[in-house]
Amino acid sequence: MNITNDIKPVTYLKSKAADLLNQINETHRPVIITQNGEPRAVLQDPESYENMRNAIGILKALSQGESDIKNEKIKSQKEVFSEIESSLKGKLK
């Protein structure tokens, strides 16, 4: 993948917005928009954005799990199921 093809100036965005949106949705590659030669924004198709957000959520959950293990904030499966069963027994009576 050659990222230089995916860097466009803001003037290109202004004049070719529809073409740029078609490119993004067909290729699923983000486009970097520059202003005065500096990167200012990234345009991305909705599907890729949603996938990225989901991946970040999974990574956050993994990080929290690793932290909990390190800090010994864990319970065995047997303890968890026992607590659930006790909770349910109290509600069914």
N, C-alpha and C. Protein backbone atom coordinates (compact mmCIF):
# COMPACT_ATOMS: atom_id res chain seq x y z
N MET A 1 0.85 -1.17 0.00
CA MET A 1 0.00 0.00 0.00
C MET A 1 0.90 1.24 0.00
N ASN A 2 0.61 2.16 -0.90
CA ASN A 2 1.37 3.39 -1.01
C ASN A 2 0.53 4.53 -0.43
N ILE A 3 0.87 4.96 0.78
CA ILE A 3 0.08 5.97 1.48
C ILE A 3 0.11 7.32 0.78
N THR A 4 1.12 7.59 -0.02
CA THR A 4 1.19 8.89 -0.69
C THR A 4 0.01 9.12 -1.63
N ASN A 5 -0.61 8.04 -2.12
CA ASN A 5 -1.81 8.17 -2.94
C ASN A 5 -3.02 8.55 -2.12
N ASP A 6 -2.93 8.40 -0.81
CA ASP A 6 -4.06 8.66 0.09
C ASP A 6 -3.87 9.95 0.89
N ILE A 7 -3.04 10.84 0.41
CA ILE A 7 -2.86 12.15 1.04
C ILE A 7 -3.33 13.19 0.04
N LYS A 8 -4.31 13.99 0.45
CA LYS A 8 -4.88 14.98 -0.46
C LYS A 8 -4.97 16.33 0.25
N PRO A 9 -4.76 17.43 -0.49
CA PRO A 9 -4.92 18.75 0.11
C PRO A 9 -6.40 19.09 0.29
N VAL A 10 -6.69 19.99 1.20
CA VAL A 10 -8.06 20.38 1.49
C VAL A 10 -8.74 20.94 0.24
N THR A 11 -7.99 21.56 -0.66
CA THR A 11 -8.58 22.07 -1.90
C THR A 11 -9.13 20.94 -2.75
N TYR A 12 -8.47 19.78 -2.73
CA TYR A 12 -8.96 18.61 -3.46
C TYR A 12 -10.28 18.15 -2.84
N LEU A 13 -10.34 18.13 -1.53
CA LEU A 13 -11.57 17.76 -0.84
C LEU A 13 -12.71 18.70 -1.23
N LYS A 14 -12.43 19.98 -1.27
CA LYS A 14 -13.47 20.97 -1.62
C LYS A 14 -13.99 20.77 -3.03
N SER A 15 -13.09 20.48 -3.96
CA SER A 15 -13.51 20.40 -5.37
C SER A 15 -13.94 19.01 -5.81
N LYS A 16 -13.51 17.98 -5.12
CA LYS A 16 -13.77 16.60 -5.54
C LYS A 16 -14.33 15.74 -4.41
N ALA A 17 -15.18 16.32 -3.59
CA ALA A 17 -15.69 15.60 -2.41
C ALA A 17 -16.37 14.29 -2.79
N ALA A 18 -17.24 14.30 -3.80
CA ALA A 18 -17.96 13.08 -4.19
C ALA A 18 -16.98 12.01 -4.66
N ASP A 19 -15.99 12.40 -5.47
CA ASP A 19 -15.00 11.43 -5.95
C ASP A 19 -14.19 10.85 -4.79
N LEU A 20 -13.84 11.70 -3.86
CA LEU A 20 -13.06 11.26 -2.70
C LEU A 20 -13.86 10.29 -1.84
N LEU A 21 -15.14 10.59 -1.62
CA LEU A 21 -15.99 9.68 -0.84
C LEU A 21 -16.15 8.33 -1.54
N ASN A 22 -16.30 8.36 -2.86
CA ASN A 22 -16.37 7.09 -3.61
C ASN A 22 -15.09 6.29 -3.44
N GLN A 23 -13.94 6.95 -3.54
CA GLN A 23 -12.65 6.28 -3.37
C GLN A 23 -12.55 5.63 -2.00
N ILE A 24 -12.91 6.37 -0.98
CA ILE A 24 -12.81 5.87 0.40
C ILE A 24 -13.71 4.67 0.60
N ASN A 25 -14.93 4.74 0.09
CA ASN A 25 -15.87 3.64 0.29
C ASN A 25 -15.54 2.42 -0.57
N GLU A 26 -14.88 2.61 -1.71
CA GLU A 26 -14.49 1.47 -2.55
C GLU A 26 -13.23 0.78 -2.04
N THR A 27 -12.24 1.58 -1.63
CA THR A 27 -10.95 1.01 -1.24
C THR A 27 -10.88 0.66 0.25
N HIS A 28 -11.74 1.28 1.06
CA HIS A 28 -11.71 1.12 2.52
C HIS A 28 -10.39 1.58 3.11
N ARG A 29 -9.70 2.46 2.40
CA ARG A 29 -8.46 3.05 2.91
C ARG A 29 -8.75 4.48 3.33
N PRO A 30 -8.25 4.90 4.47
CA PRO A 30 -8.46 6.29 4.91
C PRO A 30 -7.66 7.25 4.03
N VAL A 31 -8.12 8.47 3.96
CA VAL A 31 -7.42 9.52 3.22
C VAL A 31 -7.05 10.62 4.20
N ILE A 32 -5.80 11.03 4.15
CA ILE A 32 -5.31 12.11 5.01
C ILE A 32 -5.50 13.42 4.26
N ILE A 33 -6.15 14.38 4.90
CA ILE A 33 -6.38 15.70 4.31
C ILE A 33 -5.36 16.67 4.92
N THR A 34 -4.68 17.38 4.04
CA THR A 34 -3.67 18.33 4.51
C THR A 34 -4.16 19.77 4.29
N GLN A 35 -3.63 20.64 5.10
CA GLN A 35 -3.88 22.08 4.97
C GLN A 35 -2.53 22.77 5.17
N ASN A 36 -2.14 23.56 4.22
CA ASN A 36 -0.82 24.20 4.24
C ASN A 36 0.31 23.18 4.41
N GLY A 37 0.13 22.02 3.78
CA GLY A 37 1.15 20.99 3.81
C GLY A 37 1.21 20.15 5.07
N GLU A 38 0.36 20.44 6.03
CA GLU A 38 0.34 19.70 7.29
C GLU A 38 -0.90 18.81 7.36
N PRO A 39 -0.79 17.60 7.89
CA PRO A 39 -1.98 16.75 8.05
C PRO A 39 -2.96 17.38 9.03
N ARG A 40 -4.24 17.46 8.63
CA ARG A 40 -5.25 18.11 9.47
C ARG A 40 -6.44 17.22 9.80
N ALA A 41 -6.68 16.19 8.97
CA ALA A 41 -7.83 15.32 9.22
C ALA A 41 -7.63 14.00 8.50
N VAL A 42 -8.41 13.02 8.93
CA VAL A 42 -8.42 11.71 8.26
C VAL A 42 -9.87 11.39 7.94
N LEU A 43 -10.13 11.06 6.68
CA LEU A 43 -11.46 10.62 6.26
C LEU A 43 -11.45 9.11 6.13
N GLN A 44 -12.52 8.49 6.64
CA GLN A 44 -12.56 7.04 6.67
C GLN A 44 -13.99 6.59 6.41
N ASP A 45 -14.16 5.45 5.74
CA ASP A 45 -15.51 4.94 5.48
C ASP A 45 -16.12 4.42 6.79
N PRO A 46 -17.45 4.44 6.89
CA PRO A 46 -18.11 4.05 8.15
C PRO A 46 -17.80 2.62 8.61
N GLU A 47 -17.72 1.68 7.68
CA GLU A 47 -17.45 0.29 8.06
C GLU A 47 -16.07 0.14 8.70
N SER A 48 -15.07 0.75 8.08
CA SER A 48 -13.72 0.69 8.64
C SER A 48 -13.65 1.40 9.98
N TYR A 49 -14.36 2.51 10.11
CA TYR A 49 -14.38 3.25 11.38
C TYR A 49 -15.00 2.38 12.47
N GLU A 50 -16.11 1.73 12.16
CA GLU A 50 -16.77 0.87 13.16
C GLU A 50 -15.86 -0.30 13.55
N ASN A 51 -15.19 -0.90 12.56
CA ASN A 51 -14.26 -2.00 12.85
C ASN A 51 -13.13 -1.53 13.75
N MET A 52 -12.62 -0.33 13.49
CA MET A 52 -11.54 0.22 14.31
C MET A 52 -12.02 0.46 15.74
N ARG A 53 -13.23 1.01 15.88
CA ARG A 53 -13.77 1.25 17.22
C ARG A 53 -13.97 -0.06 17.98
N ASN A 54 -14.45 -1.08 17.29
CA ASN A 54 -14.63 -2.39 17.93
C ASN A 54 -13.29 -2.98 18.36
N ALA A 55 -12.28 -2.84 17.52
CA ALA A 55 -10.95 -3.36 17.85
C ALA A 55 -10.38 -2.62 19.06
N ILE A 56 -10.58 -1.33 19.13
CA ILE A 56 -10.11 -0.55 20.28
C ILE A 56 -10.82 -1.00 21.55
N GLY A 57 -12.12 -1.27 21.45
CA GLY A 57 -12.88 -1.75 22.60
C GLY A 57 -12.36 -3.08 23.11
N ILE A 58 -12.04 -3.97 22.19
CA ILE A 58 -11.49 -5.28 22.57
C ILE A 58 -10.13 -5.11 23.23
N LEU A 59 -9.30 -4.24 22.67
CA LEU A 59 -7.98 -4.00 23.26
C LEU A 59 -8.09 -3.40 24.66
N LYS A 60 -9.06 -2.51 24.86
CA LYS A 60 -9.26 -1.94 26.20
C LYS A 60 -9.68 -3.02 27.19
N ALA A 61 -10.57 -3.92 26.76
CA ALA A 61 -11.01 -5.00 27.64
C ALA A 61 -9.84 -5.93 27.99
N LEU A 62 -9.02 -6.25 27.00
CA LEU A 62 -7.85 -7.08 27.26
C LEU A 62 -6.89 -6.41 28.23
N SER A 63 -6.68 -5.12 28.04
CA SER A 63 -5.78 -4.37 28.92
C SER A 63 -6.31 -4.36 30.35
N GLN A 64 -7.63 -4.16 30.50
CA GLN A 64 -8.23 -4.16 31.84
C GLN A 64 -8.10 -5.54 32.47
N GLY A 65 -8.31 -6.60 31.67
CA GLY A 65 -8.16 -7.96 32.18
C GLY A 65 -6.75 -8.25 32.65
N GLU A 66 -5.77 -7.81 31.85
CA GLU A 66 -4.37 -8.01 32.26
C GLU A 66 -4.07 -7.25 33.55
N SER A 67 -4.61 -6.05 33.68
CA SER A 67 -4.40 -5.26 34.89
C SER A 67 -5.04 -5.94 36.09
N ASP A 68 -6.24 -6.47 35.90
CA ASP A 68 -6.93 -7.17 37.00
C ASP A 68 -6.14 -8.41 37.44
N ILE A 69 -5.58 -9.14 36.47
CA ILE A 69 -4.78 -10.32 36.81
C ILE A 69 -3.54 -9.90 37.60
N LYS A 70 -2.88 -8.85 37.11
CA LYS A 70 -1.67 -8.37 37.78
C LYS A 70 -1.97 -7.93 39.21
N ASN A 71 -3.12 -7.29 39.42
CA ASN A 71 -3.50 -6.79 40.74
C ASN A 71 -4.32 -7.79 41.55
N GLU A 72 -4.38 -9.02 41.04
CA GLU A 72 -5.08 -10.12 41.70
C GLU A 72 -6.55 -9.81 41.99
N LYS A 73 -7.19 -9.11 41.08
CA LYS A 73 -8.62 -8.82 41.18
C LYS A 73 -9.38 -9.83 40.32
N ILE A 74 -9.22 -11.10 40.68
CA ILE A 74 -9.82 -12.16 39.89
C ILE A 74 -10.58 -13.13 40.79
N LYS A 75 -11.52 -13.87 40.17
CA LYS A 75 -12.25 -14.93 40.86
C LYS A 75 -12.22 -16.15 39.96
N SER A 76 -12.29 -17.31 40.58
CA SER A 76 -12.34 -18.53 39.79
C SER A 76 -13.74 -18.68 39.19
N GLN A 77 -13.82 -19.47 38.16
CA GLN A 77 -15.12 -19.73 37.53
C GLN A 77 -16.08 -20.33 38.54
N LYS A 78 -15.57 -21.22 39.38
CA LYS A 78 -16.41 -21.87 40.39
C LYS A 78 -17.00 -20.83 41.35
N GLU A 79 -16.19 -19.84 41.77
CA GLU A 79 -16.68 -18.79 42.66
C GLU A 79 -17.78 -17.95 41.98
N VAL A 80 -17.56 -17.60 40.73
CA VAL A 80 -18.52 -16.78 40.00
C VAL A 80 -19.85 -17.50 39.87
N PHE A 81 -19.82 -18.78 39.45
CA PHE A 81 -21.06 -19.53 39.29
C PHE A 81 -21.76 -19.74 40.63
N SER A 82 -21.00 -19.95 41.66
CA SER A 82 -21.58 -20.13 42.99
C SER A 82 -22.31 -18.85 43.43
N GLU A 83 -21.71 -17.70 43.19
CA GLU A 83 -22.35 -16.42 43.54
C GLU A 83 -23.62 -16.20 42.73
N ILE A 84 -23.58 -16.56 41.46
CA ILE A 84 -24.76 -16.40 40.61
C ILE A 84 -25.88 -17.32 41.09
N GLU A 85 -25.55 -18.57 41.38
CA GLU A 85 -26.56 -19.51 41.87
C GLU A 85 -27.17 -19.05 43.18
N SER A 86 -26.34 -18.53 44.08
CA SER A 86 -26.85 -18.02 45.36
C SER A 86 -27.77 -16.84 45.13
N SER A 87 -27.41 -15.97 44.23
CA SER A 87 -28.22 -14.79 43.92
C SER A 87 -29.57 -15.20 43.33
N LEU A 88 -29.54 -16.18 42.43
CA LEU A 88 -30.77 -16.62 41.81
C LEU A 88 -31.68 -17.35 42.78
N LYS A 89 -31.12 -18.13 43.67
CA LYS A 89 -31.91 -18.85 44.66
C LYS A 89 -32.68 -17.88 45.55
N GLY A 90 -32.04 -16.78 45.91
CA GLY A 90 -32.68 -15.77 46.74
C GLY A 90 -33.84 -15.09 46.03
N LYS A 91 -33.76 -14.94 44.73
CA LYS A 91 -34.81 -14.26 43.95
C LYS A 91 -35.97 -15.20 43.60
N LEU A 92 -35.71 -16.49 43.57
CA LEU A 92 -36.75 -17.46 43.19
C LEU A 92 -37.64 -17.83 44.36
N LYS A 93 -37.23 -17.50 45.57
CA LYS A 93 -38.03 -17.87 46.75
C LYS A 93 -39.15 -16.92 46.98
